Amino acid sequence: MRRLLVGLAAGSMLVAASACGSSGNGASDNTSSSTGTTTVKVGVIPIVDVAPLYLGQKEGFFSKHGLKLTMTLAQGGAAIVPGVVSGQFQFGFSNMTSLMLAQSNDVPVKAIANGVASTGVSGKDFGALVVKKGSTLKSAKALEGKKVAVNTLKNINETAVRESVRKAGGDPDKVKFVELAFDQMPAALDKGQIDAAMAVEPALTTMLNQGAQQIAWPLVDVAPNLTVAMYFTSTAYATKNPDVVKKFQEATAESLAYADAHPDEVRQIVATYTKVPAGVLAKVILPKWPADPNRSSIEALEKLSETDGLFKKTPDLNTLLP
């Protein structure tokens, strides 16, 4: 298990060794105050997707349910998974590929609340494949032999880009994928260190402001209205702390609905946990925050991930999903 957790977090911002620092037996590290408020640690990524949590905490949805969130930033879901399993975090935000990969390797995780979804609209999604201004690359097929940045290798964004390349008539095995944090992509593309990047907001708008051009919308190519990510916990924590999990689910549901209905407030809150200028945030394309995950879209992602050889065995979605 320890070896697997280190592998899941390889190349990510969090140190995977932390996953070996406890037994991961689900013992609660919650901090309860005299007022009955429970403080829980949540592993998140500094992108627009997690805005509902910050907004929900600001609006009092979590305190109403007796919770206080302490957020820790990481580069991707692959880094957050071992942190949750080890007990470093009680909850985490992760893309569906990382969760399916963990579950297929018998890592004890359980998705408990919806996270974020694609808009499902090409040209108007919060994630896109972009190339530098003036690039001769006009389609995903043209990426054969080119260097393409994704935030985590062998994960959801690589799978999505590979599908865009396939749909454009190209061979995804000929693409040279490199791992790069979202916030490092704009400079790398501008300097010509990479040929293209699979970026999500707010990095996407930062690149577009530099003159970058969109050539594909990989998350849309995977499936209509793709469920991109969910909030999760360890199966041990869920078993031993069902009351805390239920409170988190209820508060998150309120937060998702509020974020979906208040786009201007979403843009404002993102400025509190990223370094993106307000002028850029005003232009970002926001994702969708539906109440429930789209099961069929997750199944489509699962099949593509299997095609790409990510799983040793097929993930059990009935066990993983709420």
C-alpha atoms as a PDB file:
ATOM      1  CA  MET A   1       0.000   0.000   0.000  1.00  0.00           C
ATOM      2  CA  ARG A   2       2.766   2.448   0.898  1.00  0.00           C
ATOM      3  CA  ARG A   3       4.548   1.794  -2.380  1.00  0.00           C
ATOM      4  CA  LEU A   4       1.323   2.382  -4.289  1.00  0.00           C
ATOM      5  CA  LEU A   5       0.568   5.648  -2.495  1.00  0.00           C
ATOM      6  CA  VAL A   6       4.019   6.973  -3.298  1.00  0.00           C
ATOM      7  CA  GLY A   7       3.427   6.057  -6.927  1.00  0.00           C
ATOM      8  CA  LEU A   8       0.121   7.887  -6.997  1.00  0.00           C
ATOM      9  CA  ALA A   9       1.751  11.077  -5.804  1.00  0.00           C
ATOM     10  CA  ALA A  10       4.913  10.900  -7.905  1.00  0.00           C
ATOM     11  CA  GLY A  11       5.786  14.222  -9.480  1.00  0.00           C
ATOM     12  CA  SER A  12       3.181  16.095  -7.473  1.00  0.00           C
ATOM     13  CA  MET A  13       3.540  18.974  -5.078  1.00  0.00           C
ATOM     14  CA  LEU A  14       2.700  17.120  -1.880  1.00  0.00           C
ATOM     15  CA  VAL A  15       5.323  14.771  -0.504  1.00  0.00           C
ATOM     16  CA  ALA A  16       3.980  11.252  -0.851  1.00  0.00           C
ATOM     17  CA  ALA A  17       6.064  10.102   2.079  1.00  0.00           C
ATOM     18  CA  SER A  18       3.470  11.712   4.290  1.00  0.00           C
ATOM     19  CA  ALA A  19       1.172   8.891   3.239  1.00  0.00           C
ATOM     20  CA  CYS A  20       3.464   6.520   5.099  1.00  0.00           C
ATOM     21  CA  GLY A  21       3.433   8.560   8.261  1.00  0.00           C
ATOM     22  CA  SER A  22       0.303   7.045   9.777  1.00  0.00           C
ATOM     23  CA  SER A  23      -1.583   3.823   9.712  1.00  0.00           C
ATOM     24  CA  GLY A  24      -4.428   5.403   7.742  1.00  0.00           C
ATOM     25  CA  ASN A  25      -6.890   3.624  10.041  1.00  0.00           C
ATOM     26  CA  GLY A  26      -9.441   6.432   9.880  1.00  0.00           C
ATOM     27  CA  ALA A  27      -8.823   7.718  13.374  1.00  0.00           C
ATOM     28  CA  SER A  28     -10.191  11.227  13.511  1.00  0.00           C
ATOM     29  CA  ASP A  29      -7.788  14.159  13.451  1.00  0.00           C
ATOM     30  CA  ASN A  30     -10.761  16.509  13.706  1.00  0.00           C
ATOM     31  CA  THR A  31     -10.405  19.454  16.043  1.00  0.00           C
ATOM     32  CA  SER A  32     -13.583  20.230  17.957  1.00  0.00           C
ATOM     33  CA  SER A  33     -14.154  23.524  19.719  1.00  0.00           C
ATOM     34  CA  SER A  34     -16.244  24.258  22.792  1.00  0.00           C
ATOM     35  CA  THR A  35     -18.928  25.629  20.477  1.00  0.00           C
ATOM     36  CA  GLY A  36     -19.338  22.256  18.819  1.00  0.00           C
ATOM     37  CA  THR A  37     -17.589  23.231  15.601  1.00  0.00           C
ATOM     38  CA  THR A  38     -15.396  20.539  14.036  1.00  0.00           C
ATOM     39  CA  THR A  39     -12.354  21.649  12.056  1.00  0.00           C
ATOM     40  CA  VAL A  40     -11.496  19.386   9.122  1.00  0.00           C
ATOM     41  CA  LYS A  41      -8.579  19.562   6.706  1.00  0.00           C
ATOM     42  CA  VAL A  42      -9.314  19.506   2.984  1.00  0.00           C
ATOM     43  CA  GLY A  43      -6.786  18.983   0.179  1.00  0.00           C
ATOM     44  CA  VAL A  44      -7.633  21.168  -2.839  1.00  0.00           C
ATOM     45  CA  ILE A  45      -6.052  22.544  -6.024  1.00  0.00           C
ATOM     46  CA  PRO A  46      -5.579  26.305  -6.681  1.00  0.00           C
ATOM     47  CA  ILE A  47      -8.017  26.413  -9.594  1.00  0.00           C
ATOM     48  CA  VAL A  48     -11.525  27.754 -10.176  1.00  0.00           C
ATOM     49  CA  ASP A  49     -13.087  24.311  -9.643  1.00  0.00           C
ATOM     50  CA  VAL A  50     -12.906  24.458  -5.841  1.00  0.00           C
ATOM     51  CA  ALA A  51     -14.365  27.958  -5.480  1.00  0.00           C
ATOM     52  CA  PRO A  52     -17.622  26.603  -3.995  1.00  0.00           C
ATOM     53  CA  LEU A  53     -15.799  25.403  -0.862  1.00  0.00           C
ATOM     54  CA  TYR A  54     -14.221  28.794  -0.241  1.00  0.00           C
ATOM     55  CA  LEU A  55     -17.492  30.527  -1.043  1.00  0.00           C
ATOM     56  CA  GLY A  56     -19.470  28.127   1.141  1.00  0.00           C
ATOM     57  CA  GLN A  57     -17.193  28.764   4.077  1.00  0.00           C
ATOM     58  CA  LYS A  58     -17.478  32.535   3.555  1.00  0.00           C
ATOM     59  CA  GLU A  59     -21.275  32.373   3.329  1.00  0.00           C
ATOM     60  CA  GLY A  60     -21.534  30.269   6.474  1.00  0.00           C
ATOM     61  CA  PHE A  61     -22.856  27.051   4.930  1.00  0.00           C
ATOM     62  CA  PHE A  62     -20.202  24.929   6.621  1.00  0.00           C
ATOM     63  CA  SER A  63     -20.416  26.681   9.997  1.00  0.00           C
ATOM     64  CA  LYS A  64     -24.183  26.182   9.901  1.00  0.00           C
ATOM     65  CA  HIS A  65     -23.477  22.458   9.755  1.00  0.00           C
ATOM     66  CA  GLY A  66     -20.894  22.654  12.521  1.00  0.00           C
ATOM     67  CA  LEU A  67     -17.803  22.528  10.324  1.00  0.00           C
ATOM     68  CA  LYS A  68     -14.771  24.726   9.751  1.00  0.00           C
ATOM     69  CA  LEU A  69     -12.581  23.962   6.745  1.00  0.00           C
ATOM     70  CA  THR A  70      -8.800  24.274   6.641  1.00  0.00           C
ATOM     71  CA  MET A  71      -7.715  24.127   2.997  1.00  0.00           C
ATOM     72  CA  THR A  72      -4.277  22.952   1.831  1.00  0.00           C
ATOM     73  CA  LEU A  73      -3.215  23.503  -1.790  1.00  0.00           C
ATOM     74  CA  ALA A  74      -1.700  20.774  -3.974  1.00  0.00           C
ATOM     75  CA  GLN A  75      -0.825  20.414  -7.668  1.00  0.00           C
ATOM     76  CA  GLY A  76      -3.347  17.715  -8.520  1.00  0.00           C
ATOM     77  CA  GLY A  77      -5.646  14.984  -7.312  1.00  0.00           C
ATOM     78  CA  ALA A  78      -2.876  12.396  -7.558  1.00  0.00           C
ATOM     79  CA  ALA A  79      -1.130  14.201  -4.698  1.00  0.00           C
ATOM     80  CA  ILE A  80      -4.262  14.600  -2.606  1.00  0.00           C
ATOM     81  CA  VAL A  81      -5.315  10.930  -2.653  1.00  0.00           C
ATOM     82  CA  PRO A  82      -2.447   9.666  -0.463  1.00  0.00           C
ATOM     83  CA  GLY A  83      -2.911  12.632   1.854  1.00  0.00           C
ATOM     84  CA  VAL A  84      -6.523  11.659   2.502  1.00  0.00           C
ATOM     85  CA  VAL A  85      -5.793   7.940   2.869  1.00  0.00           C
ATOM     86  CA  SER A  86      -3.004   8.637   5.369  1.00  0.00           C
ATOM     87  CA  GLY A  87      -5.183  10.917   7.471  1.00  0.00           C
ATOM     88  CA  GLN A  88      -3.270  14.093   6.585  1.00  0.00           C
ATOM     89  CA  PHE A  89      -6.601  15.403   5.235  1.00  0.00           C
ATOM     90  CA  GLN A  90     -10.104  14.337   6.209  1.00  0.00           C
ATOM     91  CA  PHE A  91     -11.453  15.269   2.768  1.00  0.00           C
ATOM     92  CA  GLY A  92      -9.982  16.001  -0.632  1.00  0.00           C
ATOM     93  CA  PHE A  93     -10.803  17.214  -4.124  1.00  0.00           C
ATOM     94  CA  SER A  94      -9.708  14.974  -6.960  1.00  0.00           C
ATOM     95  CA  ASN A  95     -10.413  14.381 -10.608  1.00  0.00           C
ATOM     96  CA  MET A  96     -12.259  11.189 -11.430  1.00  0.00           C
ATOM     97  CA  THR A  97      -9.278   9.486 -13.042  1.00  0.00           C
ATOM     98  CA  SER A  98      -7.190   9.723  -9.872  1.00  0.00           C
ATOM     99  CA  LEU A  99     -10.093   8.356  -7.841  1.00  0.00           C
ATOM    100  CA  MET A 100     -10.721   5.492 -10.263  1.00  0.00           C
ATOM    101  CA  LEU A 101      -7.008   4.735 -10.426  1.00  0.00           C
ATOM    102  CA  ALA A 102      -6.839   4.583  -6.643  1.00  0.00           C
ATOM    103  CA  GLN A 103      -9.942   2.424  -6.344  1.00  0.00           C
ATOM    104  CA  SER A 104      -8.725  -0.001  -9.029  1.00  0.00           C
ATOM    105  CA  ASN A 105      -5.540  -0.448  -6.988  1.00  0.00           C
ATOM    106  CA  ASP A 106      -7.500  -1.171  -3.805  1.00  0.00           C
ATOM    107  CA  VAL A 107      -6.672   2.201  -2.241  1.00  0.00           C
ATOM    108  CA  PRO A 108      -9.570   2.785   0.200  1.00  0.00           C
ATOM    109  CA  VAL A 109     -11.246   5.955  -1.103  1.00  0.00           C
ATOM    110  CA  LYS A 110     -14.894   6.924  -1.339  1.00  0.00           C
ATOM    111  CA  ALA A 111     -16.362   9.773  -3.422  1.00  0.00           C
ATOM    112  CA  ILE A 112     -18.952  11.572  -1.293  1.00  0.00           C
ATOM    113  CA  ALA A 113     -19.963  14.799  -3.060  1.00  0.00           C
ATOM    114  CA  ASN A 114     -19.978  16.209  -6.558  1.00  0.00           C
ATOM    115  CA  GLY A 115     -17.114  18.513  -7.434  1.00  0.00           C
ATOM    116  CA  VAL A 116     -17.142  20.121 -10.866  1.00  0.00           C
ATOM    117  CA  ALA A 117     -18.313  19.457 -14.414  1.00  0.00           C
ATOM    118  CA  SER A 118     -17.458  20.560 -17.922  1.00  0.00           C
ATOM    119  CA  THR A 119     -19.799  23.052 -19.549  1.00  0.00           C
ATOM    120  CA  GLY A 120     -20.091  20.565 -22.401  1.00  0.00           C
ATOM    121  CA  VAL A 121     -19.706  23.346 -24.975  1.00  0.00           C
ATOM    122  CA  SER A 122     -16.781  23.430 -27.413  1.00  0.00           C
ATOM    123  CA  GLY A 123     -15.306  26.926 -27.507  1.00  0.00           C
ATOM    124  CA  LYS A 124     -16.858  27.791 -24.148  1.00  0.00           C
ATOM    125  CA  ASP A 125     -15.432  25.294 -21.681  1.00  0.00           C
ATOM    126  CA  PHE A 126     -13.275  25.995 -18.640  1.00  0.00           C
ATOM    127  CA  GLY A 127     -10.596  23.676 -20.011  1.00  0.00           C
ATOM    128  CA  ALA A 128      -8.967  23.849 -23.444  1.00  0.00           C
ATOM    129  CA  LEU A 129      -5.957  22.787 -25.452  1.00  0.00           C
ATOM    130  CA  VAL A 130      -4.049  25.927 -26.384  1.00  0.00           C
ATOM    131  CA  VAL A 131      -1.077  26.824 -28.559  1.00  0.00           C
ATOM    132  CA  LYS A 132       1.057  29.959 -28.722  1.00  0.00           C
ATOM    133  CA  LYS A 133      -0.009  32.995 -30.725  1.00  0.00           C
ATOM    134  CA  GLY A 134       0.978  32.536 -34.344  1.00  0.00           C
ATOM    135  CA  SER A 135       1.469  28.777 -34.009  1.00  0.00           C
ATOM    136  CA  THR A 136       1.053  26.683 -37.141  1.00  0.00           C
ATOM    137  CA  LEU A 137      -0.675  24.004 -35.044  1.00  0.00           C
ATOM    138  CA  LYS A 138      -4.350  24.281 -35.889  1.00  0.00           C
ATOM    139  CA  SER A 139      -5.826  21.011 -34.618  1.00  0.00           C
ATOM    140  CA  ALA A 140      -5.194  18.277 -32.072  1.00  0.00           C
ATOM    141  CA  LYS A 141      -3.980  16.009 -34.878  1.00  0.00           C
ATOM    142  CA  ALA A 142      -1.061  18.375 -35.432  1.00  0.00           C
ATOM    143  CA  LEU A 143       0.259  17.593 -31.945  1.00  0.00           C
ATOM    144  CA  GLU A 144       1.923  14.389 -33.118  1.00  0.00           C
ATOM    145  CA  GLY A 145       5.603  14.698 -32.234  1.00  0.00           C
ATOM    146  CA  LYS A 146       4.943  17.879 -30.242  1.00  0.00           C
ATOM    147  CA  LYS A 147       5.459  18.642 -26.536  1.00  0.00           C
ATOM    148  CA  VAL A 148       2.160  19.044 -24.683  1.00  0.00           C
ATOM    149  CA  ALA A 149       1.902  20.055 -21.030  1.00  0.00           C
ATOM    150  CA  VAL A 150      -0.593  18.496 -18.612  1.00  0.00           C
ATOM    151  CA  ASN A 151      -0.717  19.055 -14.857  1.00  0.00           C
ATOM    152  CA  THR A 152      -0.272  15.351 -14.085  1.00  0.00           C
ATOM    153  CA  LEU A 153       0.951  12.585 -16.390  1.00  0.00           C
ATOM    154  CA  LYS A 154      -1.172   9.463 -16.933  1.00  0.00           C
ATOM    155  CA  ASN A 155      -4.251  11.207 -15.604  1.00  0.00           C
ATOM    156  CA  ILE A 156      -7.505  12.846 -16.672  1.00  0.00           C
ATOM    157  CA  ASN A 157      -6.066  15.671 -18.761  1.00  0.00           C
ATOM    158  CA  GLU A 158      -3.673  13.420 -20.649  1.00  0.00           C
ATOM    159  CA  THR A 159      -6.526  10.979 -21.343  1.00  0.00           C
ATOM    160  CA  ALA A 160      -8.714  13.868 -22.515  1.00  0.00           C
ATOM    161  CA  VAL A 161      -6.031  15.270 -24.829  1.00  0.00           C
ATOM    162  CA  ARG A 162      -5.408  11.809 -26.244  1.00  0.00           C
ATOM    163  CA  GLU A 163      -9.108  11.538 -27.070  1.00  0.00           C
ATOM    164  CA  SER A 164      -9.050  14.929 -28.820  1.00  0.00           C
ATOM    165  CA  VAL A 165      -6.089  13.763 -30.890  1.00  0.00           C
ATOM    166  CA  ARG A 166      -7.940  10.535 -31.792  1.00  0.00           C
ATOM    167  CA  LYS A 167     -11.095  12.401 -32.781  1.00  0.00           C
ATOM    168  CA  ALA A 168      -9.022  14.711 -34.981  1.00  0.00           C
ATOM    169  CA  GLY A 169      -7.575  11.702 -36.792  1.00  0.00           C
ATOM    170  CA  GLY A 170      -4.166  11.660 -35.093  1.00  0.00           C
ATOM    171  CA  ASP A 171      -2.150   9.107 -33.153  1.00  0.00           C
ATOM    172  CA  PRO A 172      -2.026  10.053 -29.438  1.00  0.00           C
ATOM    173  CA  ASP A 173       0.939   7.747 -28.852  1.00  0.00           C
ATOM    174  CA  LYS A 174       3.055  10.151 -30.903  1.00  0.00           C
ATOM    175  CA  VAL A 175       2.371  13.098 -28.581  1.00  0.00           C
ATOM    176  CA  LYS A 176       5.125  13.974 -26.087  1.00  0.00           C
ATOM    177  CA  PHE A 177       3.424  14.711 -22.789  1.00  0.00           C
ATOM    178  CA  VAL A 178       5.247  16.657 -20.058  1.00  0.00           C
ATOM    179  CA  GLU A 179       4.098  17.408 -16.529  1.00  0.00           C
ATOM    180  CA  LEU A 180       3.716  21.040 -15.508  1.00  0.00           C
ATOM    181  CA  ALA A 181       1.629  22.821 -12.872  1.00  0.00           C
ATOM    182  CA  PHE A 182      -1.238  24.855 -14.304  1.00  0.00           C
ATOM    183  CA  ASP A 183       0.170  28.155 -13.052  1.00  0.00           C
ATOM    184  CA  GLN A 184       3.495  27.440 -14.770  1.00  0.00           C
ATOM    185  CA  MET A 185       1.932  26.739 -18.154  1.00  0.00           C
ATOM    186  CA  PRO A 186       1.427  30.356 -19.341  1.00  0.00           C
ATOM    187  CA  ALA A 187       5.128  31.243 -19.032  1.00  0.00           C
ATOM    188  CA  ALA A 188       6.270  27.935 -20.524  1.00  0.00           C
ATOM    189  CA  LEU A 189       4.009  28.374 -23.546  1.00  0.00           C
ATOM    190  CA  ASP A 190       5.014  32.009 -23.991  1.00  0.00           C
ATOM    191  CA  LYS A 191       8.738  31.071 -23.909  1.00  0.00           C
ATOM    192  CA  GLY A 192       8.263  28.225 -26.359  1.00  0.00           C
ATOM    193  CA  GLN A 193       9.291  25.550 -23.848  1.00  0.00           C
ATOM    194  CA  ILE A 194       6.153  23.604 -24.776  1.00  0.00           C
ATOM    195  CA  ASP A 195       4.144  23.478 -27.993  1.00  0.00           C
ATOM    196  CA  ALA A 196       0.721  23.240 -26.386  1.00  0.00           C
ATOM    197  CA  ALA A 197      -0.940  23.004 -22.998  1.00  0.00           C
ATOM    198  CA  MET A 198      -4.086  21.476 -21.607  1.00  0.00           C
ATOM    199  CA  ALA A 199      -5.111  24.330 -19.347  1.00  0.00           C
ATOM    200  CA  VAL A 200      -8.067  24.989 -17.084  1.00  0.00           C
ATOM    201  CA  GLU A 201      -9.203  28.265 -15.597  1.00  0.00           C
ATOM    202  CA  PRO A 202      -7.756  30.603 -14.474  1.00  0.00           C
ATOM    203  CA  ALA A 203      -4.557  29.571 -16.322  1.00  0.00           C
ATOM    204  CA  LEU A 204      -6.565  29.293 -19.540  1.00  0.00           C
ATOM    205  CA  THR A 205      -7.631  32.947 -19.565  1.00  0.00           C
ATOM    206  CA  THR A 206      -4.104  34.028 -18.599  1.00  0.00           C
ATOM    207  CA  MET A 207      -2.818  32.295 -21.748  1.00  0.00           C
ATOM    208  CA  LEU A 208      -5.583  33.685 -23.928  1.00  0.00           C
ATOM    209  CA  ASN A 209      -4.651  37.170 -22.725  1.00  0.00           C
ATOM    210  CA  GLN A 210      -1.115  36.425 -23.951  1.00  0.00           C
ATOM    211  CA  GLY A 211      -2.562  35.694 -27.379  1.00  0.00           C
ATOM    212  CA  ALA A 212      -2.774  31.913 -27.120  1.00  0.00           C
ATOM    213  CA  GLN A 213      -5.213  30.146 -29.417  1.00  0.00           C
ATOM    214  CA  GLN A 214      -7.596  27.318 -28.535  1.00  0.00           C
ATOM    215  CA  ILE A 215      -7.486  24.315 -30.838  1.00  0.00           C
ATOM    216  CA  ALA A 216      -9.564  21.718 -28.941  1.00  0.00           C
ATOM    217  CA  TRP A 217     -11.707  21.203 -25.854  1.00  0.00           C
ATOM    218  CA  PRO A 218     -10.627  17.813 -24.513  1.00  0.00           C
ATOM    219  CA  LEU A 219     -13.036  17.580 -21.578  1.00  0.00           C
ATOM    220  CA  VAL A 220     -15.919  18.060 -24.006  1.00  0.00           C
ATOM    221  CA  ASP A 221     -14.438  15.405 -26.300  1.00  0.00           C
ATOM    222  CA  VAL A 222     -14.449  12.825 -23.488  1.00  0.00           C
ATOM    223  CA  ALA A 223     -18.210  12.961 -22.872  1.00  0.00           C
ATOM    224  CA  PRO A 224     -21.117  15.426 -22.796  1.00  0.00           C
ATOM    225  CA  ASN A 225     -21.255  17.312 -19.490  1.00  0.00           C
ATOM    226  CA  LEU A 226     -18.345  15.350 -18.071  1.00  0.00           C
ATOM    227  CA  THR A 227     -18.073  15.030 -14.304  1.00  0.00           C
ATOM    228  CA  VAL A 228     -14.451  16.113 -13.978  1.00  0.00           C
ATOM    229  CA  ALA A 229     -13.889  15.812 -10.235  1.00  0.00           C
ATOM    230  CA  MET A 230     -15.491  15.006  -6.892  1.00  0.00           C
ATOM    231  CA  TYR A 231     -14.839  15.452  -3.198  1.00  0.00           C
ATOM    232  CA  PHE A 232     -13.835  12.284  -1.386  1.00  0.00           C
ATOM    233  CA  THR A 233     -12.648  10.767   1.870  1.00  0.00           C
ATOM    234  CA  SER A 234     -11.098   7.497   2.975  1.00  0.00           C
ATOM    235  CA  THR A 235     -13.417   4.543   3.479  1.00  0.00           C
ATOM    236  CA  ALA A 236     -12.119   4.224   7.048  1.00  0.00           C
ATOM    237  CA  TYR A 237     -12.915   7.850   7.851  1.00  0.00           C
ATOM    238  CA  ALA A 238     -16.368   7.554   6.269  1.00  0.00           C
ATOM    239  CA  THR A 239     -17.098   4.473   8.379  1.00  0.00           C
ATOM    240  CA  LYS A 240     -15.898   5.970  11.665  1.00  0.00           C
ATOM    241  CA  ASN A 241     -17.188   9.528  11.154  1.00  0.00           C
ATOM    242  CA  PRO A 242     -20.498   9.266   9.255  1.00  0.00           C
ATOM    243  CA  ASP A 243     -21.902  12.346  11.004  1.00  0.00           C
ATOM    244  CA  VAL A 244     -19.011  14.560   9.870  1.00  0.00           C
ATOM    245  CA  VAL A 245     -19.232  13.147   6.331  1.00  0.00           C
ATOM    246  CA  LYS A 246     -22.972  13.884   6.201  1.00  0.00           C
ATOM    247  CA  LYS A 247     -22.404  17.459   7.369  1.00  0.00           C
ATOM    248  CA  PHE A 248     -19.712  17.929   4.724  1.00  0.00           C
ATOM    249  CA  GLN A 249     -22.022  16.545   2.021  1.00  0.00           C
ATOM    250  CA  GLU A 250     -24.896  18.820   3.012  1.00  0.00           C
ATOM    251  CA  ALA A 251     -22.756  21.946   3.260  1.00  0.00           C
ATOM    252  CA  THR A 252     -21.009  21.167  -0.033  1.00  0.00           C
ATOM    253  CA  ALA A 253     -24.343  20.695  -1.799  1.00  0.00           C
ATOM    254  CA  GLU A 254     -25.434  24.154  -0.641  1.00  0.00           C
ATOM    255  CA  SER A 255     -22.085  25.597  -1.701  1.00  0.00           C
ATOM    256  CA  LEU A 256     -22.260  24.083  -5.194  1.00  0.00           C
ATOM    257  CA  ALA A 257     -25.752  25.462  -5.753  1.00  0.00           C
ATOM    258  CA  TYR A 258     -24.749  28.901  -4.480  1.00  0.00           C
ATOM    259  CA  ALA A 259     -21.634  29.026  -6.676  1.00  0.00           C
ATOM    260  CA  ASP A 260     -23.582  27.995  -9.767  1.00  0.00           C
ATOM    261  CA  ALA A 261     -26.056  30.823  -9.144  1.00  0.00           C
ATOM    262  CA  HIS A 262     -23.524  33.545  -8.215  1.00  0.00           C
ATOM    263  CA  PRO A 263     -20.770  33.713 -10.858  1.00  0.00           C
ATOM    264  CA  ASP A 264     -19.561  37.174  -9.842  1.00  0.00           C
ATOM    265  CA  GLU A 265     -18.955  36.026  -6.280  1.00  0.00           C
ATOM    266  CA  VAL A 266     -17.104  32.998  -7.587  1.00  0.00           C
ATOM    267  CA  ARG A 267     -14.700  35.240  -9.483  1.00  0.00           C
ATOM    268  CA  GLN A 268     -14.118  37.340  -6.383  1.00  0.00           C
ATOM    269  CA  ILE A 269     -13.407  34.383  -4.108  1.00  0.00           C
ATOM    270  CA  VAL A 270     -10.909  32.808  -6.527  1.00  0.00           C
ATOM    271  CA  ALA A 271      -8.705  35.870  -6.015  1.00  0.00           C
ATOM    272  CA  THR A 272      -8.322  34.904  -2.348  1.00  0.00           C
ATOM    273  CA  TYR A 273      -6.521  31.604  -3.003  1.00  0.00           C
ATOM    274  CA  THR A 274      -4.770  32.232  -6.337  1.00  0.00           C
ATOM    275  CA  LYS A 275      -2.473  34.992  -7.581  1.00  0.00           C
ATOM    276  CA  VAL A 276      -4.586  35.687 -10.654  1.00  0.00           C
ATOM    277  CA  PRO A 277      -5.335  39.395 -11.252  1.00  0.00           C
ATOM    278  CA  ALA A 278      -8.929  40.578 -11.003  1.00  0.00           C
ATOM    279  CA  GLY A 279      -8.853  41.602 -14.661  1.00  0.00           C
ATOM    280  CA  VAL A 280      -8.161  38.029 -15.689  1.00  0.00           C
ATOM    281  CA  LEU A 281     -10.745  36.566 -13.327  1.00  0.00           C
ATOM    282  CA  ALA A 282     -13.395  38.795 -14.867  1.00  0.00           C
ATOM    283  CA  LYS A 283     -12.923  36.917 -18.148  1.00  0.00           C
ATOM    284  CA  VAL A 284     -12.628  33.313 -16.996  1.00  0.00           C
ATOM    285  CA  ILE A 285     -15.100  30.743 -18.271  1.00  0.00           C
ATOM    286  CA  LEU A 286     -16.663  29.134 -15.246  1.00  0.00           C
ATOM    287  CA  PRO A 287     -17.364  25.399 -15.066  1.00  0.00           C
ATOM    288  CA  LYS A 288     -20.672  23.902 -13.991  1.00  0.00           C
ATOM    289  CA  TRP A 289     -21.371  22.832 -10.429  1.00  0.00           C
ATOM    290  CA  PRO A 290     -24.318  20.422 -10.663  1.00  0.00           C
ATOM    291  CA  ALA A 291     -25.708  18.750  -7.566  1.00  0.00           C
ATOM    292  CA  ASP A 292     -25.038  15.209  -8.733  1.00  0.00           C
ATOM    293  CA  PRO A 293     -22.300  13.427 -10.707  1.00  0.00           C
ATOM    294  CA  ASN A 294     -23.018  12.332 -14.284  1.00  0.00           C
ATOM    295  CA  ARG A 295     -22.592   8.551 -14.099  1.00  0.00           C
ATOM    296  CA  SER A 296     -22.566   7.969 -17.875  1.00  0.00           C
ATOM    297  CA  SER A 297     -19.801  10.524 -18.372  1.00  0.00           C
ATOM    298  CA  ILE A 298     -17.686   8.869 -15.677  1.00  0.00           C
ATOM    299  CA  GLU A 299     -18.181   5.520 -17.400  1.00  0.00           C
ATOM    300  CA  ALA A 300     -17.007   7.047 -20.689  1.00  0.00           C
ATOM    301  CA  LEU A 301     -13.887   8.405 -18.969  1.00  0.00           C
ATOM    302  CA  GLU A 302     -13.293   5.003 -17.400  1.00  0.00           C
ATOM    303  CA  LYS A 303     -13.348   3.302 -20.811  1.00  0.00           C
ATOM    304  CA  LEU A 304     -10.908   5.813 -22.319  1.00  0.00           C
ATOM    305  CA  SER A 305      -8.599   5.435 -19.326  1.00  0.00           C
ATOM    306  CA  GLU A 306      -8.633   1.673 -19.815  1.00  0.00           C
ATOM    307  CA  THR A 307      -7.833   2.177 -23.500  1.00  0.00           C
ATOM    308  CA  ASP A 308      -4.827   4.229 -22.421  1.00  0.00           C
ATOM    309  CA  GLY A 309      -3.713   1.449 -20.070  1.00  0.00           C
ATOM    310  CA  LEU A 310      -4.129   3.374 -16.820  1.00  0.00           C
ATOM    311  CA  PHE A 311      -5.851   0.621 -14.848  1.00  0.00           C
ATOM    312  CA  LYS A 312      -4.562  -2.784 -13.808  1.00  0.00           C
ATOM    313  CA  LYS A 313      -8.165  -3.810 -13.238  1.00  0.00           C
ATOM    314  CA  THR A 314     -11.492  -2.151 -13.932  1.00  0.00           C
ATOM    315  CA  PRO A 315     -12.548   0.268 -11.169  1.00  0.00           C
ATOM    316  CA  ASP A 316     -15.701  -0.624  -9.246  1.00  0.00           C
ATOM    317  CA  LEU A 317     -17.817   2.488  -9.726  1.00  0.00           C
ATOM    318  CA  ASN A 318     -20.608   1.124  -7.559  1.00  0.00           C
ATOM    319  CA  THR A 319     -18.208   1.054  -4.623  1.00  0.00           C
ATOM    320  CA  LEU A 320     -16.468   4.324  -5.439  1.00  0.00           C
ATOM    321  CA  LEU A 321     -19.433   6.583  -6.134  1.00  0.00           C
ATOM    322  CA  PRO A 322     -22.031   7.745  -3.579  1.00  0.00           C
END
